[in-house]
All heavy atoms as atom14 arrays in JSON, in Angstrom:
{
  "sequence": "LQLFSHFFLKVAAIFYSGTNVSCNICLKGFRKFLPYGRIARENALCP",
  "atom14_mask": [
    [1, 1, 1, 1, 1, 1, 1, 1, 0, 0, 0, 0, 0, 0],
    [1, 1, 1, 1, 1, 1, 1, 1, 1, 0, 0, 0, 0, 0],
    [1, 1, 1, 1, 1, 1, 1, 1, 0, 0, 0, 0, 0, 0],
    [1, 1, 1, 1, 1, 1, 1, 1, 1, 1, 1, 0, 0, 0],
    [1, 1, 1, 1, 1, 1, 0, 0, 0, 0, 0, 0, 0, 0],
    [1, 1, 1, 1, 1, 1, 1, 1, 1, 1, 0, 0, 0, 0],
    [1, 1, 1, 1, 1, 1, 1, 1, 1, 1, 1, 0, 0, 0],
    [1, 1, 1, 1, 1, 1, 1, 1, 1, 1, 1, 0, 0, 0],
    [1, 1, 1, 1, 1, 1, 1, 1, 0, 0, 0, 0, 0, 0],
    [1, 1, 1, 1, 1, 1, 1, 1, 1, 0, 0, 0, 0, 0],
    [1, 1, 1, 1, 1, 1, 1, 0, 0, 0, 0, 0, 0, 0],
    [1, 1, 1, 1, 1, 0, 0, 0, 0, 0, 0, 0, 0, 0],
    [1, 1, 1, 1, 1, 0, 0, 0, 0, 0, 0, 0, 0, 0],
    [1, 1, 1, 1, 1, 1, 1, 1, 0, 0, 0, 0, 0, 0],
    [1, 1, 1, 1, 1, 1, 1, 1, 1, 1, 1, 0, 0, 0],
    [1, 1, 1, 1, 1, 1, 1, 1, 1, 1, 1, 1, 0, 0],
    [1, 1, 1, 1, 1, 1, 0, 0, 0, 0, 0, 0, 0, 0],
    [1, 1, 1, 1, 0, 0, 0, 0, 0, 0, 0, 0, 0, 0],
    [1, 1, 1, 1, 1, 1, 1, 0, 0, 0, 0, 0, 0, 0],
    [1, 1, 1, 1, 1, 1, 1, 1, 0, 0, 0, 0, 0, 0],
    [1, 1, 1, 1, 1, 1, 1, 0, 0, 0, 0, 0, 0, 0],
    [1, 1, 1, 1, 1, 1, 0, 0, 0, 0, 0, 0, 0, 0],
    [1, 1, 1, 1, 1, 1, 0, 0, 0, 0, 0, 0, 0, 0],
    [1, 1, 1, 1, 1, 1, 1, 1, 0, 0, 0, 0, 0, 0],
    [1, 1, 1, 1, 1, 1, 1, 1, 0, 0, 0, 0, 0, 0],
    [1, 1, 1, 1, 1, 1, 0, 0, 0, 0, 0, 0, 0, 0],
    [1, 1, 1, 1, 1, 1, 1, 1, 0, 0, 0, 0, 0, 0],
    [1, 1, 1, 1, 1, 1, 1, 1, 1, 0, 0, 0, 0, 0],
    [1, 1, 1, 1, 0, 0, 0, 0, 0, 0, 0, 0, 0, 0],
    [1, 1, 1, 1, 1, 1, 1, 1, 1, 1, 1, 0, 0, 0],
    [1, 1, 1, 1, 1, 1, 1, 1, 1, 1, 1, 0, 0, 0],
    [1, 1, 1, 1, 1, 1, 1, 1, 1, 0, 0, 0, 0, 0],
    [1, 1, 1, 1, 1, 1, 1, 1, 1, 1, 1, 0, 0, 0],
    [1, 1, 1, 1, 1, 1, 1, 1, 0, 0, 0, 0, 0, 0],
    [1, 1, 1, 1, 1, 1, 1, 0, 0, 0, 0, 0, 0, 0],
    [1, 1, 1, 1, 1, 1, 1, 1, 1, 1, 1, 1, 0, 0],
    [1, 1, 1, 1, 0, 0, 0, 0, 0, 0, 0, 0, 0, 0],
    [1, 1, 1, 1, 1, 1, 1, 1, 1, 1, 1, 0, 0, 0],
    [1, 1, 1, 1, 1, 1, 1, 1, 0, 0, 0, 0, 0, 0],
    [1, 1, 1, 1, 1, 0, 0, 0, 0, 0, 0, 0, 0, 0],
    [1, 1, 1, 1, 1, 1, 1, 1, 1, 1, 1, 0, 0, 0],
    [1, 1, 1, 1, 1, 1, 1, 1, 1, 0, 0, 0, 0, 0],
    [1, 1, 1, 1, 1, 1, 1, 1, 0, 0, 0, 0, 0, 0],
    [1, 1, 1, 1, 1, 0, 0, 0, 0, 0, 0, 0, 0, 0],
    [1, 1, 1, 1, 1, 1, 1, 1, 0, 0, 0, 0, 0, 0],
    [1, 1, 1, 1, 1, 1, 0, 0, 0, 0, 0, 0, 0, 0],
    [1, 1, 1, 1, 1, 1, 1, 0, 0, 0, 0, 0, 0, 0]
  ],
  "atom14_positions": [
    [[-15.63, -4.99, -7.59], [-14.27, -5.38, -8.0], [-13.24, -4.72, -7.09], [-12.26, -5.35, -6.68], [-14.02, -5.0, -9.46], [-14.77, -5.78, -10.53], [-14.47, -5.21, -11.91], [-14.39, -7.26, -10.49], [0.0, 0.0, 0.0], [0.0, 0.0, 0.0], [0.0, 0.0, 0.0], [0.0, 0.0, 0.0], [0.0, 0.0, 0.0], [0.0, 0.0, 0.0]],
    [[-13.46, -3.45, -6.79], [-12.52, -2.72, -5.94], [-12.46, -3.29, -4.54], [-11.4, -3.32, -3.91], [-12.92, -1.24, -5.9], [-12.7, -0.5, -7.21], [-13.23, 0.92, -7.17], [-14.31, 1.18, -6.64], [-12.47, 1.84, -7.73], [0.0, 0.0, 0.0], [0.0, 0.0, 0.0], [0.0, 0.0, 0.0], [0.0, 0.0, 0.0], [0.0, 0.0, 0.0]],
    [[-13.59, -3.75, -4.05], [-13.65, -4.25, -2.68], [-13.12, -5.67, -2.51], [-12.48, -6.0, -1.5], [-15.1, -4.19, -2.16], [-15.63, -2.8, -1.78], [-17.11, -2.88, -1.47], [-14.87, -2.25, -0.58], [0.0, 0.0, 0.0], [0.0, 0.0, 0.0], [0.0, 0.0, 0.0], [0.0, 0.0, 0.0], [0.0, 0.0, 0.0], [0.0, 0.0, 0.0]],
    [[-13.38, -6.54, -3.51], [-13.17, -7.96, -3.27], [-12.18, -8.66, -4.2], [-11.71, -9.75, -3.88], [-14.52, -8.7, -3.35], [-15.55, -8.18, -2.4], [-16.72, -7.59, -2.88], [-15.35, -8.25, -1.03], [-17.68, -7.1, -2.0], [-16.3, -7.77, -0.14], [-17.46, -7.19, -0.62], [0.0, 0.0, 0.0], [0.0, 0.0, 0.0], [0.0, 0.0, 0.0]],
    [[-11.84, -8.06, -5.33], [-11.02, -8.78, -6.32], [-9.65, -9.16, -5.78], [-9.09, -10.21, -6.15], [-10.88, -7.95, -7.6], [-10.27, -6.7, -7.33], [0.0, 0.0, 0.0], [0.0, 0.0, 0.0], [0.0, 0.0, 0.0], [0.0, 0.0, 0.0], [0.0, 0.0, 0.0], [0.0, 0.0, 0.0], [0.0, 0.0, 0.0], [0.0, 0.0, 0.0]],
    [[-9.06, -8.31, -4.9], [-7.71, -8.6, -4.44], [-7.64, -9.87, -3.59], [-6.6, -10.53, -3.55], [-7.14, -7.41, -3.67], [-7.95, -6.95, -2.52], [-9.17, -6.33, -2.66], [-7.71, -7.02, -1.18], [-9.65, -6.03, -1.47], [-8.8, -6.44, -0.56], [0.0, 0.0, 0.0], [0.0, 0.0, 0.0], [0.0, 0.0, 0.0], [0.0, 0.0, 0.0]],
    [[-8.74, -10.25, -2.96], [-8.74, -11.49, -2.18], [-8.57, -12.71, -3.08], [-7.81, -13.63, -2.79], [-10.03, -11.62, -1.37], [-10.19, -10.57, -0.3], [-11.19, -9.63, -0.38], [-9.32, -10.52, 0.79], [-11.34, -8.66, 0.6], [-9.45, -9.56, 1.78], [-10.47, -8.63, 1.68], [0.0, 0.0, 0.0], [0.0, 0.0, 0.0], [0.0, 0.0, 0.0]],
    [[-9.28, -12.71, -4.22], [-9.2, -13.83, -5.15], [-7.85, -13.85, -5.88], [-7.28, -14.91, -6.14], [-10.35, -13.75, -6.15], [-11.7, -13.84, -5.51], [-12.47, -12.71, -5.3], [-12.21, -15.06, -5.08], [-13.71, -12.78, -4.69], [-13.46, -15.15, -4.47], [-14.21, -14.01, -4.27], [0.0, 0.0, 0.0], [0.0, 0.0, 0.0], [0.0, 0.0, 0.0]],
    [[-7.33, -12.67, -6.19], [-6.08, -12.61, -6.93], [-4.88, -13.01, -6.07], [-3.85, -13.42, -6.6], [-5.88, -11.21, -7.51], [-6.85, -10.87, -8.65], [-6.71, -9.42, -9.07], [-6.64, -11.79, -9.84], [0.0, 0.0, 0.0], [0.0, 0.0, 0.0], [0.0, 0.0, 0.0], [0.0, 0.0, 0.0], [0.0, 0.0, 0.0], [0.0, 0.0, 0.0]],
    [[-4.99, -12.89, -4.76], [-3.92, -13.36, -3.88], [-3.68, -14.85, -4.09], [-2.54, -15.33, -4.0], [-4.28, -13.1, -2.41], [-4.27, -11.64, -2.01], [-2.86, -11.1, -1.81], [-2.89, -9.7, -1.24], [-1.54, -9.14, -1.06], [0.0, 0.0, 0.0], [0.0, 0.0, 0.0], [0.0, 0.0, 0.0], [0.0, 0.0, 0.0], [0.0, 0.0, 0.0]],
    [[-4.75, -15.59, -4.36], [-4.62, -17.03, -4.64], [-3.9, -17.24, -5.96], [-3.01, -18.08, -6.08], [-6.01, -17.7, -4.67], [-5.88, -19.18, -5.03], [-6.71, -17.52, -3.33], [0.0, 0.0, 0.0], [0.0, 0.0, 0.0], [0.0, 0.0, 0.0], [0.0, 0.0, 0.0], [0.0, 0.0, 0.0], [0.0, 0.0, 0.0], [0.0, 0.0, 0.0]],
    [[-4.27, -16.46, -6.97], [-3.63, -16.56, -8.28], [-2.14, -16.27, -8.19], [-1.33, -16.85, -8.92], [-4.29, -15.61, -9.27], [0.0, 0.0, 0.0], [0.0, 0.0, 0.0], [0.0, 0.0, 0.0], [0.0, 0.0, 0.0], [0.0, 0.0, 0.0], [0.0, 0.0, 0.0], [0.0, 0.0, 0.0], [0.0, 0.0, 0.0], [0.0, 0.0, 0.0]],
    [[-1.76, -15.37, -7.27], [-0.35, -15.0, -7.12], [0.52, -16.2, -6.81], [1.69, -16.27, -7.22], [-0.2, -13.94, -6.03], [0.0, 0.0, 0.0], [0.0, 0.0, 0.0], [0.0, 0.0, 0.0], [0.0, 0.0, 0.0], [0.0, 0.0, 0.0], [0.0, 0.0, 0.0], [0.0, 0.0, 0.0], [0.0, 0.0, 0.0], [0.0, 0.0, 0.0]],
    [[-0.03, -17.16, -6.09], [0.72, -18.37, -5.74], [1.12, -19.14, -6.99], [2.25, -19.62, -7.12], [-0.11, -19.26, -4.8], [-0.43, -18.52, -3.5], [0.6, -20.58, -4.51], [-1.41, -19.24, -2.61], [0.0, 0.0, 0.0], [0.0, 0.0, 0.0], [0.0, 0.0, 0.0], [0.0, 0.0, 0.0], [0.0, 0.0, 0.0], [0.0, 0.0, 0.0]],
    [[0.2, -19.23, -7.93], [0.44, -20.0, -9.16], [1.27, -19.23, -10.18], [1.75, -19.82, -11.14], [-0.9, -20.41, -9.78], [-1.71, -21.32, -8.89], [-2.71, -20.79, -8.09], [-1.46, -22.68, -8.83], [-3.46, -21.62, -7.26], [-2.19, -23.51, -8.01], [-3.19, -22.99, -7.21], [0.0, 0.0, 0.0], [0.0, 0.0, 0.0], [0.0, 0.0, 0.0]],
    [[1.42, -17.92, -9.98], [2.2, -17.11, -10.92], [3.57, -16.74, -10.35], [4.27, -15.91, -10.93], [1.42, -15.83, -11.27], [0.42, -16.03, -12.38], [-0.77, -16.71, -12.16], [0.66, -15.54, -13.66], [-1.7, -16.9, -13.17], [-0.25, -15.71, -14.69], [-1.43, -16.39, -14.43], [-2.35, -16.57, -15.45], [0.0, 0.0, 0.0], [0.0, 0.0, 0.0]],
    [[3.96, -17.34, -9.26], [5.24, -16.99, -8.64], [6.4, -17.29, -9.57], [6.37, -18.25, -10.35], [5.41, -17.74, -7.32], [5.46, -19.13, -7.55], [0.0, 0.0, 0.0], [0.0, 0.0, 0.0], [0.0, 0.0, 0.0], [0.0, 0.0, 0.0], [0.0, 0.0, 0.0], [0.0, 0.0, 0.0], [0.0, 0.0, 0.0], [0.0, 0.0, 0.0]],
    [[7.42, -16.44, -9.53], [8.58, -16.59, -10.4], [9.42, -15.33, -10.36], [9.23, -14.47, -9.49], [0.0, 0.0, 0.0], [0.0, 0.0, 0.0], [0.0, 0.0, 0.0], [0.0, 0.0, 0.0], [0.0, 0.0, 0.0], [0.0, 0.0, 0.0], [0.0, 0.0, 0.0], [0.0, 0.0, 0.0], [0.0, 0.0, 0.0], [0.0, 0.0, 0.0]],
    [[10.33, -15.21, -11.32], [11.26, -14.07, -11.33], [11.38, -13.39, -12.68], [12.22, -12.51, -12.85], [12.65, -14.55, -10.88], [13.11, -15.58, -11.78], [12.63, -15.08, -9.45], [0.0, 0.0, 0.0], [0.0, 0.0, 0.0], [0.0, 0.0, 0.0], [0.0, 0.0, 0.0], [0.0, 0.0, 0.0], [0.0, 0.0, 0.0], [0.0, 0.0, 0.0]],
    [[10.57, -13.78, -13.66], [10.69, -13.19, -14.99], [10.32, -11.71, -15.0], [10.92, -10.91, -15.72], [9.81, -13.94, -15.99], [10.29, -15.35, -16.25], [11.48, -15.64, -16.08], [9.4, -16.23, -16.65], [0.0, 0.0, 0.0], [0.0, 0.0, 0.0], [0.0, 0.0, 0.0], [0.0, 0.0, 0.0], [0.0, 0.0, 0.0], [0.0, 0.0, 0.0]],
    [[9.29, -11.35, -14.22], [8.87, -9.96, -14.12], [8.77, -9.59, -12.65], [8.64, -10.46, -11.78], [7.5, -9.71, -14.81], [7.6, -9.95, -16.3], [6.4, -10.55, -14.18], [0.0, 0.0, 0.0], [0.0, 0.0, 0.0], [0.0, 0.0, 0.0], [0.0, 0.0, 0.0], [0.0, 0.0, 0.0], [0.0, 0.0, 0.0], [0.0, 0.0, 0.0]],
    [[8.84, -8.3, -12.37], [8.68, -7.85, -10.99], [7.85, -6.58, -10.96], [7.94, -5.74, -11.87], [10.04, -7.6, -10.33], [10.69, -6.49, -10.9], [0.0, 0.0, 0.0], [0.0, 0.0, 0.0], [0.0, 0.0, 0.0], [0.0, 0.0, 0.0], [0.0, 0.0, 0.0], [0.0, 0.0, 0.0], [0.0, 0.0, 0.0], [0.0, 0.0, 0.0]],
    [[7.03, -6.46, -9.93], [6.22, -5.26, -9.75], [7.02, -4.26, -8.91], [7.38, -4.56, -7.77], [4.9, -5.61, -9.05], [3.87, -4.16, -8.72], [0.0, 0.0, 0.0], [0.0, 0.0, 0.0], [0.0, 0.0, 0.0], [0.0, 0.0, 0.0], [0.0, 0.0, 0.0], [0.0, 0.0, 0.0], [0.0, 0.0, 0.0], [0.0, 0.0, 0.0]],
    [[7.3, -3.11, -9.47], [8.09, -2.1, -8.76], [7.27, -1.34, -7.72], [7.81, -0.55, -6.95], [8.72, -1.1, -9.74], [7.69, -0.42, -10.62], [6.8, -1.06, -11.18], [7.79, 0.88, -10.76], [0.0, 0.0, 0.0], [0.0, 0.0, 0.0], [0.0, 0.0, 0.0], [0.0, 0.0, 0.0], [0.0, 0.0, 0.0], [0.0, 0.0, 0.0]],
    [[5.95, -1.63, -7.64], [5.11, -1.03, -6.61], [5.17, -1.85, -5.32], [5.48, -1.34, -4.25], [3.66, -0.89, -7.08], [3.57, -0.02, -8.34], [2.78, -0.31, -5.97], [2.2, 0.01, -8.98], [0.0, 0.0, 0.0], [0.0, 0.0, 0.0], [0.0, 0.0, 0.0], [0.0, 0.0, 0.0], [0.0, 0.0, 0.0], [0.0, 0.0, 0.0]],
    [[4.9, -3.14, -5.43], [4.88, -4.0, -4.24], [6.15, -4.84, -4.08], [6.31, -5.55, -3.09], [3.66, -4.9, -4.25], [3.63, -6.14, -5.58], [0.0, 0.0, 0.0], [0.0, 0.0, 0.0], [0.0, 0.0, 0.0], [0.0, 0.0, 0.0], [0.0, 0.0, 0.0], [0.0, 0.0, 0.0], [0.0, 0.0, 0.0], [0.0, 0.0, 0.0]],
    [[7.03, -4.79, -5.11], [8.33, -5.47, -5.07], [8.2, -6.99, -5.06], [9.09, -7.69, -4.56], [9.15, -4.99, -3.87], [9.36, -3.48, -3.76], [10.18, -3.13, -2.53], [10.01, -2.93, -5.03], [0.0, 0.0, 0.0], [0.0, 0.0, 0.0], [0.0, 0.0, 0.0], [0.0, 0.0, 0.0], [0.0, 0.0, 0.0], [0.0, 0.0, 0.0]],
    [[7.13, -7.52, -5.64], [6.95, -8.95, -5.76], [7.31, -9.42, -7.17], [7.08, -8.7, -8.15], [5.5, -9.35, -5.45], [5.03, -8.99, -4.05], [5.73, -9.83, -2.99], [5.16, -9.54, -1.61], [5.83, -10.33, -0.56], [0.0, 0.0, 0.0], [0.0, 0.0, 0.0], [0.0, 0.0, 0.0], [0.0, 0.0, 0.0], [0.0, 0.0, 0.0]],
    [[7.87, -10.64, -7.27], [8.25, -11.19, -8.55], [7.3, -12.28, -9.01], [6.73, -13.01, -8.18], [0.0, 0.0, 0.0], [0.0, 0.0, 0.0], [0.0, 0.0, 0.0], [0.0, 0.0, 0.0], [0.0, 0.0, 0.0], [0.0, 0.0, 0.0], [0.0, 0.0, 0.0], [0.0, 0.0, 0.0], [0.0, 0.0, 0.0], [0.0, 0.0, 0.0]],
    [[7.17, -12.45, -10.34], [6.27, -13.44, -10.91], [6.87, -13.99, -12.2], [7.73, -13.35, -12.81], [4.9, -12.83, -11.21], [4.25, -12.19, -10.01], [4.41, -10.83, -9.77], [3.54, -12.94, -9.1], [3.85, -10.23, -8.67], [2.97, -12.36, -7.98], [3.12, -11.0, -7.76], [0.0, 0.0, 0.0], [0.0, 0.0, 0.0], [0.0, 0.0, 0.0]],
    [[6.39, -15.16, -12.61], [6.83, -15.66, -13.92], [6.21, -14.81, -15.03], [6.79, -14.63, -16.1], [6.5, -17.14, -14.09], [5.06, -17.52, -13.96], [4.88, -19.03, -14.06], [3.51, -19.44, -13.81], [2.55, -19.44, -14.73], [2.82, -19.05, -15.98], [1.31, -19.8, -14.43], [0.0, 0.0, 0.0], [0.0, 0.0, 0.0], [0.0, 0.0, 0.0]],
    [[5.02, -14.27, -14.77], [4.41, -13.25, -15.62], [3.26, -12.63, -14.85], [2.8, -13.18, -13.84], [3.92, -13.82, -16.95], [2.79, -14.84, -16.83], [2.35, -15.27, -18.23], [1.22, -16.28, -18.15], [0.75, -16.68, -19.5], [0.0, 0.0, 0.0], [0.0, 0.0, 0.0], [0.0, 0.0, 0.0], [0.0, 0.0, 0.0], [0.0, 0.0, 0.0]],
    [[2.81, -11.47, -15.3], [1.64, -10.84, -14.7], [0.37, -11.45, -15.3], [0.4, -12.07, -16.37], [1.65, -9.33, -14.93], [2.77, -8.61, -14.22], [3.74, -7.91, -14.93], [2.86, -8.64, -12.83], [4.76, -7.25, -14.28], [3.88, -7.98, -12.17], [4.84, -7.29, -12.89], [0.0, 0.0, 0.0], [0.0, 0.0, 0.0], [0.0, 0.0, 0.0]],
    [[-0.75, -11.23, -14.65], [-2.03, -11.72, -15.13], [-2.5, -10.92, -16.34], [-2.17, -9.74, -16.48], [-3.1, -11.6, -14.04], [-2.98, -12.54, -12.84], [-3.95, -12.1, -11.76], [-3.26, -13.97, -13.25], [0.0, 0.0, 0.0], [0.0, 0.0, 0.0], [0.0, 0.0, 0.0], [0.0, 0.0, 0.0], [0.0, 0.0, 0.0], [0.0, 0.0, 0.0]],
    [[-3.29, -11.54, -17.22], [-3.93, -10.77, -18.29], [-4.99, -9.86, -17.69], [-5.52, -10.12, -16.61], [-4.57, -11.85, -19.18], [-4.77, -13.02, -18.26], [-3.65, -12.97, -17.26], [0.0, 0.0, 0.0], [0.0, 0.0, 0.0], [0.0, 0.0, 0.0], [0.0, 0.0, 0.0], [0.0, 0.0, 0.0], [0.0, 0.0, 0.0], [0.0, 0.0, 0.0]],
    [[-5.32, -8.77, -18.41], [-6.32, -7.84, -17.88], [-6.93, -7.03, -19.02], [-6.24, -6.68, -19.98], [-5.71, -6.88, -16.85], [-6.76, -6.05, -16.14], [-7.46, -6.56, -15.06], [-7.06, -4.76, -16.57], [-8.44, -5.82, -14.42], [-8.05, -4.01, -15.95], [-8.73, -4.55, -14.87], [-9.71, -3.81, -14.25], [0.0, 0.0, 0.0], [0.0, 0.0, 0.0]],
    [[-8.21, -6.71, -18.88], [-8.89, -5.84, -19.83], [-10.1, -6.5, -20.44], [-10.23, -7.73, -20.43], [0.0, 0.0, 0.0], [0.0, 0.0, 0.0], [0.0, 0.0, 0.0], [0.0, 0.0, 0.0], [0.0, 0.0, 0.0], [0.0, 0.0, 0.0], [0.0, 0.0, 0.0], [0.0, 0.0, 0.0], [0.0, 0.0, 0.0], [0.0, 0.0, 0.0]],
    [[-11.0, -5.69, -20.99], [-12.17, -6.24, -21.68], [-11.74, -7.09, -22.85], [-12.31, -8.13, -23.13], [-13.1, -5.11, -22.14], [-13.95, -4.56, -20.99], [-14.64, -3.27, -21.36], [-15.67, -2.93, -20.38], [-15.42, -2.44, -19.18], [-14.17, -2.22, -18.8], [-16.4, -2.17, -18.34], [0.0, 0.0, 0.0], [0.0, 0.0, 0.0], [0.0, 0.0, 0.0]],
    [[-10.75, -6.61, -23.57], [-9.99, -7.45, -24.51], [-8.65, -7.65, -23.81], [-7.8, -6.76, -23.82], [-9.83, -6.78, -25.88], [-11.2, -6.49, -26.49], [-9.01, -7.67, -26.81], [-11.15, -5.71, -27.78], [0.0, 0.0, 0.0], [0.0, 0.0, 0.0], [0.0, 0.0, 0.0], [0.0, 0.0, 0.0], [0.0, 0.0, 0.0], [0.0, 0.0, 0.0]],
    [[-8.49, -8.8, -23.18], [-7.42, -8.98, -22.2], [-6.03, -8.78, -22.8], [-5.69, -9.37, -23.83], [-7.53, -10.36, -21.57], [0.0, 0.0, 0.0], [0.0, 0.0, 0.0], [0.0, 0.0, 0.0], [0.0, 0.0, 0.0], [0.0, 0.0, 0.0], [0.0, 0.0, 0.0], [0.0, 0.0, 0.0], [0.0, 0.0, 0.0], [0.0, 0.0, 0.0]],
    [[-5.25, -7.91, -22.13], [-3.85, -7.72, -22.48], [-3.01, -8.71, -21.68], [-3.23, -8.89, -20.47], [-3.4, -6.3, -22.12], [-4.28, -5.19, -22.66], [-3.72, -3.82, -22.29], [-3.59, -3.62, -20.86], [-4.58, -3.23, -20.05], [-5.8, -3.04, -20.54], [-4.36, -3.06, -18.76], [0.0, 0.0, 0.0], [0.0, 0.0, 0.0], [0.0, 0.0, 0.0]],
    [[-2.07, -9.35, -22.32], [-1.18, -10.27, -21.63], [-0.22, -9.5, -20.71], [0.13, -8.35, -20.98], [-0.37, -11.08, -22.65], [-1.19, -12.13, -23.4], [-1.53, -13.34, -22.55], [-1.05, -13.43, -21.39], [-2.31, -14.19, -23.02], [0.0, 0.0, 0.0], [0.0, 0.0, 0.0], [0.0, 0.0, 0.0], [0.0, 0.0, 0.0], [0.0, 0.0, 0.0]],
    [[0.18, -10.17, -19.63], [1.28, -9.66, -18.79], [0.99, -8.24, -18.28], [1.82, -7.35, -18.38], [2.58, -9.68, -19.6], [3.81, -9.75, -18.71], [3.76, -10.26, -17.59], [4.93, -9.26, -19.2], [0.0, 0.0, 0.0], [0.0, 0.0, 0.0], [0.0, 0.0, 0.0], [0.0, 0.0, 0.0], [0.0, 0.0, 0.0], [0.0, 0.0, 0.0]],
    [[-0.2, -8.06, -17.68], [-0.65, -6.71, -17.32], [-0.82, -6.49, -15.81], [-0.3, -5.52, -15.26], [-1.97, -6.41, -18.03], [0.0, 0.0, 0.0], [0.0, 0.0, 0.0], [0.0, 0.0, 0.0], [0.0, 0.0, 0.0], [0.0, 0.0, 0.0], [0.0, 0.0, 0.0], [0.0, 0.0, 0.0], [0.0, 0.0, 0.0], [0.0, 0.0, 0.0]],
    [[-1.54, -7.36, -15.13], [-2.01, -7.1, -13.77], [-1.17, -7.83, -12.72], [-1.02, -9.05, -12.77], [-3.46, -7.55, -13.63], [-4.12, -7.39, -12.25], [-4.31, -5.92, -11.92], [-5.45, -8.14, -12.21], [0.0, 0.0, 0.0], [0.0, 0.0, 0.0], [0.0, 0.0, 0.0], [0.0, 0.0, 0.0], [0.0, 0.0, 0.0], [0.0, 0.0, 0.0]],
    [[-0.63, -7.08, -11.76], [0.08, -7.7, -10.64], [-0.94, -8.34, -9.71], [-1.81, -7.64, -9.17], [0.89, -6.65, -9.88], [1.63, -7.29, -8.35], [0.0, 0.0, 0.0], [0.0, 0.0, 0.0], [0.0, 0.0, 0.0], [0.0, 0.0, 0.0], [0.0, 0.0, 0.0], [0.0, 0.0, 0.0], [0.0, 0.0, 0.0], [0.0, 0.0, 0.0]],
    [[-0.88, -9.65, -9.49], [-1.88, -10.31, -8.64], [-1.71, -10.01, -7.16], [-2.6, -10.3, -6.36], [-1.65, -11.8, -8.92], [-0.23, -11.9, -9.35], [0.06, -10.61, -10.08], [0.0, 0.0, 0.0], [0.0, 0.0, 0.0], [0.0, 0.0, 0.0], [0.0, 0.0, 0.0], [0.0, 0.0, 0.0], [0.0, 0.0, 0.0], [0.0, 0.0, 0.0]]
  ]
}
């Protein structure tokens, strides 16, 4: 996951583009963040 997941999530970032939320680490905006977790939390992961 550490090695390869970011390649696949870059594609997801295209479909989540927007301005509702922004990542203060990479300074990218999205309509929402991706869900994440074994019991997935909404609006969690910056793609």
